[in-house]
Amino acid sequence: DLLPNESYRQIWTYVDQQFCAREACQFMVGLLHLAATQDCEAALAQVVLEEIAHGKKLSLSRLKQRYGLAQAPVPKVVVNQHSLAMYDRLLTAQAVTEESHV
């Protein structure tokens, strides 16, 4: 009842038989997410059913690339840590400022 149509029920039947329970669930949830977020429910189901019919190994990452949901590479972030002495100077300067307002 959770699947949108007969095509997705056929896909579920296949992956449930071919994958372990965890992998089958992960694949199906990922497939449904892809279909919903990329507005490609019918086309995606057709592609997956064709891959099944031709005996191709199903790959969620390949489908994500095809439908524009490939995972973006994680950017390298460089963080420059200030020395503790700089924080001490900042705190000392703040203390001096607070005392002058008293």
PDB file of N, CA and C in Angstrom:
ATOM      1  N   ASP A   1       0.813  -1.205   0.000  1.00  0.00           N
ATOM      2  CA  ASP A   1       0.000   0.000   0.000  1.00  0.00           C
ATOM      3  C   ASP A   1       0.855   1.268   0.000  1.00  0.00           C
ATOM      4  N   LEU A   2       2.107   1.156   0.424  1.00  0.00           N
ATOM      5  CA  LEU A   2       2.966   2.336   0.465  1.00  0.00           C
ATOM      6  C   LEU A   2       3.541   2.696  -0.898  1.00  0.00           C
ATOM      7  N   LEU A   3       3.527   1.753  -1.805  1.00  0.00           N
ATOM      8  CA  LEU A   3       4.143   1.977  -3.114  1.00  0.00           C
ATOM      9  C   LEU A   3       3.147   2.658  -4.045  1.00  0.00           C
ATOM     10  N   PRO A   4       3.635   3.573  -4.900  1.00  0.00           N
ATOM     11  CA  PRO A   4       2.729   4.401  -5.695  1.00  0.00           C
ATOM     12  C   PRO A   4       1.947   3.672  -6.794  1.00  0.00           C
ATOM     13  N   ASN A   5       2.499   2.591  -7.331  1.00  0.00           N
ATOM     14  CA  ASN A   5       1.783   1.915  -8.418  1.00  0.00           C
ATOM     15  C   ASN A   5       2.325   0.498  -8.623  1.00  0.00           C
ATOM     16  N   GLU A   6       1.773  -0.180  -9.606  1.00  0.00           N
ATOM     17  CA  GLU A   6       2.141  -1.576  -9.867  1.00  0.00           C
ATOM     18  C   GLU A   6       3.614  -1.722 -10.267  1.00  0.00           C
ATOM     19  N   SER A   7       4.140  -0.758 -10.985  1.00  0.00           N
ATOM     20  CA  SER A   7       5.557  -0.822 -11.375  1.00  0.00           C
ATOM     21  C   SER A   7       6.457  -0.886 -10.151  1.00  0.00           C
ATOM     22  N   TYR A   8       6.186  -0.043  -9.174  1.00  0.00           N
ATOM     23  CA  TYR A   8       7.001  -0.045  -7.963  1.00  0.00           C
ATOM     24  C   TYR A   8       6.767  -1.296  -7.123  1.00  0.00           C
ATOM     25  N   ARG A   9       5.581  -1.875  -7.193  1.00  0.00           N
ATOM     26  CA  ARG A   9       5.337  -3.147  -6.510  1.00  0.00           C
ATOM     27  C   ARG A   9       6.153  -4.266  -7.164  1.00  0.00           C
ATOM     28  N   GLN A  10       6.273  -4.229  -8.494  1.00  0.00           N
ATOM     29  CA  GLN A  10       7.100  -5.213  -9.197  1.00  0.00           C
ATOM     30  C   GLN A  10       8.574  -5.041  -8.829  1.00  0.00           C
ATOM     31  N   ILE A  11       9.005  -3.798  -8.756  1.00  0.00           N
ATOM     32  CA  ILE A  11      10.398  -3.525  -8.377  1.00  0.00           C
ATOM     33  C   ILE A  11      10.644  -4.032  -6.964  1.00  0.00           C
ATOM     34  N   TRP A  12       9.715  -3.756  -6.054  1.00  0.00           N
ATOM     35  CA  TRP A  12       9.877  -4.216  -4.679  1.00  0.00           C
ATOM     36  C   TRP A  12       9.947  -5.740  -4.609  1.00  0.00           C
ATOM     37  N   THR A  13       9.082  -6.418  -5.342  1.00  0.00           N
ATOM     38  CA  THR A  13       9.093  -7.880  -5.341  1.00  0.00           C
ATOM     39  C   THR A  13      10.464  -8.390  -5.770  1.00  0.00           C
ATOM     40  N   TYR A  14      11.026  -7.774  -6.790  1.00  0.00           N
ATOM     41  CA  TYR A  14      12.337  -8.185  -7.291  1.00  0.00           C
ATOM     42  C   TYR A  14      13.435  -7.927  -6.257  1.00  0.00           C
ATOM     43  N   VAL A  15      13.516  -6.696  -5.751  1.00  0.00           N
ATOM     44  CA  VAL A  15      14.618  -6.385  -4.830  1.00  0.00           C
ATOM     45  C   VAL A  15      14.473  -7.147  -3.515  1.00  0.00           C
ATOM     46  N   ASP A  16      13.247  -7.421  -3.118  1.00  0.00           N
ATOM     47  CA  ASP A  16      13.025  -8.192  -1.895  1.00  0.00           C
ATOM     48  C   ASP A  16      13.539  -9.619  -2.043  1.00  0.00           C
ATOM     49  N   GLN A  17      13.511 -10.140  -3.253  1.00  0.00           N
ATOM     50  CA  GLN A  17      14.006 -11.493  -3.511  1.00  0.00           C
ATOM     51  C   GLN A  17      15.521 -11.516  -3.745  1.00  0.00           C
ATOM     52  N   GLN A  18      16.055 -10.441  -4.291  1.00  0.00           N
ATOM     53  CA  GLN A  18      17.459 -10.417  -4.694  1.00  0.00           C
ATOM     54  C   GLN A  18      18.408  -9.882  -3.626  1.00  0.00           C
ATOM     55  N   PHE A  19      17.940  -8.979  -2.788  1.00  0.00           N
ATOM     56  CA  PHE A  19      18.794  -8.333  -1.788  1.00  0.00           C
ATOM     57  C   PHE A  19      18.423  -8.843  -0.404  1.00  0.00           C
ATOM     58  N   CYS A  20      19.334  -8.644   0.544  1.00  0.00           N
ATOM     59  CA  CYS A  20      18.964  -8.917   1.937  1.00  0.00           C
ATOM     60  C   CYS A  20      17.930  -7.856   2.336  1.00  0.00           C
ATOM     61  N   ALA A  21      17.217  -8.107   3.415  1.00  0.00           N
ATOM     62  CA  ALA A  21      16.108  -7.224   3.805  1.00  0.00           C
ATOM     63  C   ALA A  21      16.543  -5.773   3.949  1.00  0.00           C
ATOM     64  N   ARG A  22      17.682  -5.545   4.597  1.00  0.00           N
ATOM     65  CA  ARG A  22      18.161  -4.174   4.816  1.00  0.00           C
ATOM     66  C   ARG A  22      18.485  -3.478   3.493  1.00  0.00           C
ATOM     67  N   GLU A  23      19.201  -4.168   2.609  1.00  0.00           N
ATOM     68  CA  GLU A  23      19.558  -3.575   1.314  1.00  0.00           C
ATOM     69  C   GLU A  23      18.328  -3.324   0.458  1.00  0.00           C
ATOM     70  N   ALA A  24      17.372  -4.242   0.497  1.00  0.00           N
ATOM     71  CA  ALA A  24      16.138  -4.074  -0.272  1.00  0.00           C
ATOM     72  C   ALA A  24      15.389  -2.832   0.201  1.00  0.00           C
ATOM     73  N   CYS A  25      15.287  -2.668   1.507  1.00  0.00           N
ATOM     74  CA  CYS A  25      14.598  -1.491   2.058  1.00  0.00           C
ATOM     75  C   CYS A  25      15.333  -0.205   1.716  1.00  0.00           C
ATOM     76  N   GLN A  26      16.649  -0.205   1.864  1.00  0.00           N
ATOM     77  CA  GLN A  26      17.432   0.989   1.544  1.00  0.00           C
ATOM     78  C   GLN A  26      17.287   1.361   0.070  1.00  0.00           C
ATOM     79  N   PHE A  27      17.344   0.362  -0.802  1.00  0.00           N
ATOM     80  CA  PHE A  27      17.205   0.626  -2.226  1.00  0.00           C
ATOM     81  C   PHE A  27      15.830   1.215  -2.514  1.00  0.00           C
ATOM     82  N   MET A  28      14.796   0.613  -1.973  1.00  0.00           N
ATOM     83  CA  MET A  28      13.444   1.045  -2.278  1.00  0.00           C
ATOM     84  C   MET A  28      13.153   2.439  -1.741  1.00  0.00           C
ATOM     85  N   VAL A  29      13.591   2.712  -0.522  1.00  0.00           N
ATOM     86  CA  VAL A  29      13.386   4.053   0.045  1.00  0.00           C
ATOM     87  C   VAL A  29      14.157   5.087  -0.780  1.00  0.00           C
ATOM     88  N   GLY A  30      15.385   4.763  -1.147  1.00  0.00           N
ATOM     89  CA  GLY A  30      16.171   5.671  -1.987  1.00  0.00           C
ATOM     90  C   GLY A  30      15.530   5.893  -3.346  1.00  0.00           C
ATOM     91  N   LEU A  31      14.979   4.834  -3.905  1.00  0.00           N
ATOM     92  CA  LEU A  31      14.321   4.945  -5.204  1.00  0.00           C
ATOM     93  C   LEU A  31      13.080   5.830  -5.115  1.00  0.00           C
ATOM     94  N   LEU A  32      12.284   5.626  -4.086  1.00  0.00           N
ATOM     95  CA  LEU A  32      11.082   6.449  -3.896  1.00  0.00           C
ATOM     96  C   LEU A  32      11.448   7.913  -3.632  1.00  0.00           C
ATOM     97  N   HIS A  33      12.516   8.129  -2.868  1.00  0.00           N
ATOM     98  CA  HIS A  33      12.973   9.502  -2.622  1.00  0.00           C
ATOM     99  C   HIS A  33      13.412  10.159  -3.931  1.00  0.00           C
ATOM    100  N   LEU A  34      14.161   9.434  -4.718  1.00  0.00           N
ATOM    101  CA  LEU A  34      14.611   9.949  -6.006  1.00  0.00           C
ATOM    102  C   LEU A  34      13.420  10.279  -6.899  1.00  0.00           C
ATOM    103  N   ALA A  35      12.457   9.382  -6.972  1.00  0.00           N
ATOM    104  CA  ALA A  35      11.271   9.604  -7.805  1.00  0.00           C
ATOM    105  C   ALA A  35      10.511  10.849  -7.363  1.00  0.00           C
ATOM    106  N   ALA A  36      10.382  11.034  -6.060  1.00  0.00           N
ATOM    107  CA  ALA A  36       9.626  12.166  -5.535  1.00  0.00           C
ATOM    108  C   ALA A  36      10.365  13.489  -5.697  1.00  0.00           C
ATOM    109  N   THR A  37      11.646  13.509  -5.369  1.00  0.00           N
ATOM    110  CA  THR A  37      12.382  14.773  -5.392  1.00  0.00           C
ATOM    111  C   THR A  37      12.744  15.228  -6.794  1.00  0.00           C
ATOM    112  N   GLN A  38      12.860  14.285  -7.727  1.00  0.00           N
ATOM    113  CA  GLN A  38      13.240  14.653  -9.090  1.00  0.00           C
ATOM    114  C   GLN A  38      12.050  14.610 -10.053  1.00  0.00           C
ATOM    115  N   ASP A  39      10.858  14.357  -9.503  1.00  0.00           N
ATOM    116  CA  ASP A  39       9.628  14.327 -10.291  1.00  0.00           C
ATOM    117  C   ASP A  39       9.774  13.433 -11.528  1.00  0.00           C
ATOM    118  N   CYS A  40      10.206  12.190 -11.277  1.00  0.00           N
ATOM    119  CA  CYS A  40      10.452  11.268 -12.384  1.00  0.00           C
ATOM    120  C   CYS A  40       9.893   9.883 -12.077  1.00  0.00           C
ATOM    121  N   GLU A  41       8.781   9.826 -11.376  1.00  0.00           N
ATOM    122  CA  GLU A  41       8.241   8.552 -10.898  1.00  0.00           C
ATOM    123  C   GLU A  41       8.052   7.531 -12.010  1.00  0.00           C
ATOM    124  N   ALA A  42       7.350   7.891 -13.061  1.00  0.00           N
ATOM    125  CA  ALA A  42       7.057   6.939 -14.138  1.00  0.00           C
ATOM    126  C   ALA A  42       8.322   6.564 -14.916  1.00  0.00           C
ATOM    127  N   ALA A  43       9.105   7.562 -15.280  1.00  0.00           N
ATOM    128  CA  ALA A  43      10.320   7.301 -16.061  1.00  0.00           C
ATOM    129  C   ALA A  43      11.312   6.450 -15.271  1.00  0.00           C
ATOM    130  N   LEU A  44      11.466   6.740 -14.003  1.00  0.00           N
ATOM    131  CA  LEU A  44      12.397   5.993 -13.164  1.00  0.00           C
ATOM    132  C   LEU A  44      11.957   4.541 -13.029  1.00  0.00           C
ATOM    133  N   ALA A  45      10.684   4.321 -12.794  1.00  0.00           N
ATOM    134  CA  ALA A  45      10.181   2.946 -12.679  1.00  0.00           C
ATOM    135  C   ALA A  45      10.430   2.180 -13.969  1.00  0.00           C
ATOM    136  N   GLN A  46      10.210   2.835 -15.103  1.00  0.00           N
ATOM    137  CA  GLN A  46      10.420   2.182 -16.397  1.00  0.00           C
ATOM    138  C   GLN A  46      11.876   1.779 -16.579  1.00  0.00           C
ATOM    139  N   VAL A  47      12.790   2.673 -16.227  1.00  0.00           N
ATOM    140  CA  VAL A  47      14.220   2.384 -16.361  1.00  0.00           C
ATOM    141  C   VAL A  47      14.597   1.201 -15.479  1.00  0.00           C
ATOM    142  N   VAL A  48      14.124   1.203 -14.223  1.00  0.00           N
ATOM    143  CA  VAL A  48      14.477   0.119 -13.302  1.00  0.00           C
ATOM    144  C   VAL A  48      13.900  -1.208 -13.790  1.00  0.00           C
ATOM    145  N   LEU A  49      12.674  -1.185 -14.266  1.00  0.00           N
ATOM    146  CA  LEU A  49      12.071  -2.424 -14.780  1.00  0.00           C
ATOM    147  C   LEU A  49      12.826  -2.939 -16.005  1.00  0.00           C
ATOM    148  N   GLU A  50      13.309  -2.037 -16.857  1.00  0.00           N
ATOM    149  CA  GLU A  50      14.109  -2.444 -18.016  1.00  0.00           C
ATOM    150  C   GLU A  50      15.437  -3.049 -17.567  1.00  0.00           C
ATOM    151  N   GLU A  51      16.056  -2.447 -16.546  1.00  0.00           N
ATOM    152  CA  GLU A  51      17.312  -2.995 -16.039  1.00  0.00           C
ATOM    153  C   GLU A  51      17.090  -4.398 -15.467  1.00  0.00           C
ATOM    154  N   ILE A  52      15.986  -4.572 -14.761  1.00  0.00           N
ATOM    155  CA  ILE A  52      15.660  -5.888 -14.212  1.00  0.00           C
ATOM    156  C   ILE A  52      15.448  -6.886 -15.343  1.00  0.00           C
ATOM    157  N   ALA A  53      14.699  -6.484 -16.366  1.00  0.00           N
ATOM    158  CA  ALA A  53      14.403  -7.372 -17.499  1.00  0.00           C
ATOM    159  C   ALA A  53      15.667  -7.787 -18.239  1.00  0.00           C
ATOM    160  N   HIS A  54      16.654  -6.887 -18.291  1.00  0.00           N
ATOM    161  CA  HIS A  54      17.911  -7.181 -18.993  1.00  0.00           C
ATOM    162  C   HIS A  54      18.969  -7.786 -18.070  1.00  0.00           C
ATOM    163  N   GLY A  55      18.604  -8.056 -16.835  1.00  0.00           N
ATOM    164  CA  GLY A  55      19.538  -8.698 -15.904  1.00  0.00           C
ATOM    165  C   GLY A  55      20.652  -7.808 -15.403  1.00  0.00           C
ATOM    166  N   LYS A  56      20.473  -6.500 -15.507  1.00  0.00           N
ATOM    167  CA  LYS A  56      21.505  -5.577 -15.025  1.00  0.00           C
ATOM    168  C   LYS A  56      21.457  -5.495 -13.502  1.00  0.00           C
ATOM    169  N   LYS A  57      22.605  -5.269 -12.918  1.00  0.00           N
ATOM    170  CA  LYS A  57      22.684  -5.074 -11.478  1.00  0.00           C
ATOM    171  C   LYS A  57      22.129  -3.688 -11.152  1.00  0.00           C
ATOM    172  N   LEU A  58      21.194  -3.640 -10.221  1.00  0.00           N
ATOM    173  CA  LEU A  58      20.590  -2.362  -9.847  1.00  0.00           C
ATOM    174  C   LEU A  58      21.559  -1.555  -8.990  1.00  0.00           C
ATOM    175  N   SER A  59      21.652  -0.271  -9.292  1.00  0.00           N
ATOM    176  CA  SER A  59      22.547   0.618  -8.562  1.00  0.00           C
ATOM    177  C   SER A  59      21.832   1.934  -8.308  1.00  0.00           C
ATOM    178  N   LEU A  60      21.547   2.208  -7.053  1.00  0.00           N
ATOM    179  CA  LEU A  60      20.882   3.452  -6.704  1.00  0.00           C
ATOM    180  C   LEU A  60      21.764   4.653  -7.025  1.00  0.00           C
ATOM    181  N   SER A  61      23.063   4.531  -6.804  1.00  0.00           N
ATOM    182  CA  SER A  61      23.963   5.660  -7.100  1.00  0.00           C
ATOM    183  C   SER A  61      23.977   5.970  -8.596  1.00  0.00           C
ATOM    184  N   ARG A  62      23.926   4.945  -9.434  1.00  0.00           N
ATOM    185  CA  ARG A  62      23.884   5.177 -10.883  1.00  0.00           C
ATOM    186  C   ARG A  62      22.570   5.868 -11.267  1.00  0.00           C
ATOM    187  N   LEU A  63      21.480   5.447 -10.663  1.00  0.00           N
ATOM    188  CA  LEU A  63      20.184   6.079 -10.944  1.00  0.00           C
ATOM    189  C   LEU A  63      20.171   7.531 -10.464  1.00  0.00           C
ATOM    190  N   LYS A  64      20.783   7.786  -9.318  1.00  0.00           N
ATOM    191  CA  LYS A  64      20.862   9.160  -8.819  1.00  0.00           C
ATOM    192  C   LYS A  64      21.643  10.045  -9.778  1.00  0.00           C
ATOM    193  N   GLN A  65      22.733   9.518 -10.321  1.00  0.00           N
ATOM    194  CA  GLN A  65      23.511  10.291 -11.289  1.00  0.00           C
ATOM    195  C   GLN A  65      22.687  10.566 -12.537  1.00  0.00           C
ATOM    196  N   ARG A  66      21.982   9.557 -12.991  1.00  0.00           N
ATOM    197  CA  ARG A  66      21.178   9.705 -14.214  1.00  0.00           C
ATOM    198  C   ARG A  66      20.088  10.750 -14.046  1.00  0.00           C
ATOM    199  N   TYR A  67      19.488  10.817 -12.859  1.00  0.00           N
ATOM    200  CA  TYR A  67      18.375  11.733 -12.639  1.00  0.00           C
ATOM    201  C   TYR A  67      18.771  12.982 -11.849  1.00  0.00           C
ATOM    202  N   GLY A  68      20.057  13.261 -11.794  1.00  0.00           N
ATOM    203  CA  GLY A  68      20.523  14.533 -11.262  1.00  0.00           C
ATOM    204  C   GLY A  68      20.549  14.666  -9.763  1.00  0.00           C
ATOM    205  N   LEU A  69      20.646  13.566  -9.045  1.00  0.00           N
ATOM    206  CA  LEU A  69      20.712  13.651  -7.597  1.00  0.00           C
ATOM    207  C   LEU A  69      22.003  13.030  -7.088  1.00  0.00           C
ATOM    208  N   ALA A  70      23.039  13.145  -7.881  1.00  0.00           N
ATOM    209  CA  ALA A  70      24.327  12.596  -7.455  1.00  0.00           C
ATOM    210  C   ALA A  70      24.829  13.369  -6.248  1.00  0.00           C
ATOM    211  N   GLN A  71      25.464  12.679  -5.363  1.00  0.00           N
ATOM    212  CA  GLN A  71      25.966  13.307  -4.152  1.00  0.00           C
ATOM    213  C   GLN A  71      27.116  14.224  -4.515  1.00  0.00           C
ATOM    214  N   ALA A  72      27.008  15.457  -4.094  1.00  0.00           N
ATOM    215  CA  ALA A  72      28.058  16.432  -4.357  1.00  0.00           C
ATOM    216  C   ALA A  72      29.278  16.096  -3.509  1.00  0.00           C
ATOM    217  N   PRO A  73      30.452  16.313  -4.052  1.00  0.00           N
ATOM    218  CA  PRO A  73      31.649  16.045  -3.248  1.00  0.00           C
ATOM    219  C   PRO A  73      31.688  16.979  -2.046  1.00  0.00           C
ATOM    220  N   VAL A  74      32.213  16.475  -0.974  1.00  0.00           N
ATOM    221  CA  VAL A  74      32.326  17.278   0.247  1.00  0.00           C
ATOM    222  C   VAL A  74      33.482  18.252   0.053  1.00  0.00           C
ATOM    223  N   PRO A  75      33.224  19.549   0.198  1.00  0.00           N
ATOM    224  CA  PRO A  75      34.306  20.512  -0.005  1.00  0.00           C
ATOM    225  C   PRO A  75      35.326  20.439   1.121  1.00  0.00           C
ATOM    226  N   LYS A  76      36.560  20.733   0.769  1.00  0.00           N
ATOM    227  CA  LYS A  76      37.615  20.759   1.773  1.00  0.00           C
ATOM    228  C   LYS A  76      37.547  22.120   2.475  1.00  0.00           C
ATOM    229  N   VAL A  77      37.437  22.079   3.766  1.00  0.00           N
ATOM    230  CA  VAL A  77      37.345  23.308   4.550  1.00  0.00           C
ATOM    231  C   VAL A  77      38.628  23.461   5.361  1.00  0.00           C
ATOM    232  N   VAL A  78      39.266  24.598   5.206  1.00  0.00           N
ATOM    233  CA  VAL A  78      40.490  24.880   5.943  1.00  0.00           C
ATOM    234  C   VAL A  78      40.131  25.824   7.089  1.00  0.00           C
ATOM    235  N   VAL A  79      40.443  25.418   8.279  1.00  0.00           N
ATOM    236  CA  VAL A  79      40.155  26.233   9.462  1.00  0.00           C
ATOM    237  C   VAL A  79      41.473  26.640  10.088  1.00  0.00           C
ATOM    238  N   ASN A  80      41.668  27.936  10.237  1.00  0.00           N
ATOM    239  CA  ASN A  80      42.865  28.447  10.894  1.00  0.00           C
ATOM    240  C   ASN A  80      42.528  28.720  12.347  1.00  0.00           C
ATOM    241  N   GLN A  81      43.131  27.967  13.225  1.00  0.00           N
ATOM    242  CA  GLN A  81      42.893  28.133  14.659  1.00  0.00           C
ATOM    243  C   GLN A  81      43.787  29.253  15.180  1.00  0.00           C
ATOM    244  N   HIS A  82      43.175  30.200  15.839  1.00  0.00           N
ATOM    245  CA  HIS A  82      43.949  31.287  16.439  1.00  0.00           C
ATOM    246  C   HIS A  82      44.687  30.751  17.660  1.00  0.00           C
ATOM    247  N   SER A  83      45.784  31.404  17.973  1.00  0.00           N
ATOM    248  CA  SER A  83      46.542  30.984  19.149  1.00  0.00           C
ATOM    249  C   SER A  83      45.775  31.380  20.410  1.00  0.00           C
ATOM    250  N   LEU A  84      46.030  30.662  21.483  1.00  0.00           N
ATOM    251  CA  LEU A  84      45.379  30.981  22.750  1.00  0.00           C
ATOM    252  C   LEU A  84      45.793  32.355  23.263  1.00  0.00           C
ATOM    253  N   ALA A  85      46.982  32.768  22.927  1.00  0.00           N
ATOM    254  CA  ALA A  85      47.456  34.088  23.355  1.00  0.00           C
ATOM    255  C   ALA A  85      46.570  35.195  22.782  1.00  0.00           C
ATOM    256  N   MET A  86      46.079  35.011  21.578  1.00  0.00           N
ATOM    257  CA  MET A  86      45.182  36.013  20.982  1.00  0.00           C
ATOM    258  C   MET A  86      43.891  36.120  21.785  1.00  0.00           C
ATOM    259  N   TYR A  87      43.373  34.997  22.250  1.00  0.00           N
ATOM    260  CA  TYR A  87      42.160  35.021  23.069  1.00  0.00           C
ATOM    261  C   TYR A  87      42.434  35.704  24.408  1.00  0.00           C
ATOM    262  N   ASP A  88      43.604  35.428  24.977  1.00  0.00           N
ATOM    263  CA  ASP A  88      43.974  36.083  26.238  1.00  0.00           C
ATOM    264  C   ASP A  88      44.028  37.597  26.056  1.00  0.00           C
ATOM    265  N   ARG A  89      44.616  38.052  24.962  1.00  0.00           N
ATOM    266  CA  ARG A  89      44.687  39.494  24.693  1.00  0.00           C
ATOM    267  C   ARG A  89      43.287  40.075  24.520  1.00  0.00           C
ATOM    268  N   LEU A  90      42.419  39.344  23.848  1.00  0.00           N
ATOM    269  CA  LEU A  90      41.045  39.809  23.638  1.00  0.00           C
ATOM    270  C   LEU A  90      40.321  39.921  24.975  1.00  0.00           C
ATOM    271  N   LEU A  91      40.463  38.921  25.816  1.00  0.00           N
ATOM    272  CA  LEU A  91      39.814  38.961  27.126  1.00  0.00           C
ATOM    273  C   LEU A  91      40.380  40.078  27.992  1.00  0.00           C
ATOM    274  N   THR A  92      41.680  40.292  27.929  1.00  0.00           N
ATOM    275  CA  THR A  92      42.320  41.361  28.699  1.00  0.00           C
ATOM    276  C   THR A  92      41.824  42.716  28.212  1.00  0.00           C
ATOM    277  N   ALA A  93      41.728  42.896  26.921  1.00  0.00           N
ATOM    278  CA  ALA A  93      41.244  44.158  26.362  1.00  0.00           C
ATOM    279  C   ALA A  93      39.784  44.373  26.749  1.00  0.00           C
ATOM    280  N   GLN A  94      38.976  43.330  26.768  1.00  0.00           N
ATOM    281  CA  GLN A  94      37.573  43.463  27.151  1.00  0.00           C
ATOM    282  C   GLN A  94      37.456  43.831  28.618  1.00  0.00           C
ATOM    283  N   ALA A  95      38.305  43.227  29.466  1.00  0.00           N
ATOM    284  CA  ALA A  95      38.285  43.534  30.905  1.00  0.00           C
ATOM    285  C   ALA A  95      38.655  44.985  31.146  1.00  0.00           C
ATOM    286  N   VAL A  96      39.632  45.489  30.413  1.00  0.00           N
ATOM    287  CA  VAL A  96      40.058  46.883  30.550  1.00  0.00           C
ATOM    288  C   VAL A  96      38.913  47.807  30.137  1.00  0.00           C
ATOM    289  N   THR A  97      38.222  47.476  29.035  1.00  0.00           N
ATOM    290  CA  THR A  97      37.106  48.278  28.554  1.00  0.00           C
ATOM    291  C   THR A  97      35.974  48.289  29.569  1.00  0.00           C
ATOM    292  N   GLU A  98      35.662  47.141  30.176  1.00  0.00           N
ATOM    293  CA  GLU A  98      34.588  47.047  31.162  1.00  0.00           C
ATOM    294  C   GLU A  98      34.929  47.857  32.409  1.00  0.00           C
ATOM    295  N   GLU A  99      36.186  47.836  32.846  1.00  0.00           N
ATOM    296  CA  GLU A  99      36.598  48.590  34.026  1.00  0.00           C
ATOM    297  C   GLU A  99      36.512  50.084  33.786  1.00  0.00           C
ATOM    298  N   SER A 100      36.798  50.512  32.558  1.00  0.00           N
ATOM    299  CA  SER A 100      36.760  51.947  32.281  1.00  0.00           C
ATOM    300  C   SER A 100      35.326  52.472  32.237  1.00  0.00           C
ATOM    301  N   HIS A 101      34.336  51.610  32.064  1.00  0.00           N
ATOM    302  CA  HIS A 101      32.939  52.039  32.043  1.00  0.00           C
ATOM    303  C   HIS A 101      32.305  52.021  33.423  1.00  0.00           C
ATOM    304  N   VAL A 102      33.013  51.524  34.415  1.00  0.00           N
ATOM    305  CA  VAL A 102      32.459  51.426  35.770  1.00  0.00           C
ATOM    306  C   VAL A 102      32.568  52.702  36.508  1.00  0.00           C
TER     307      VAL A 102
END
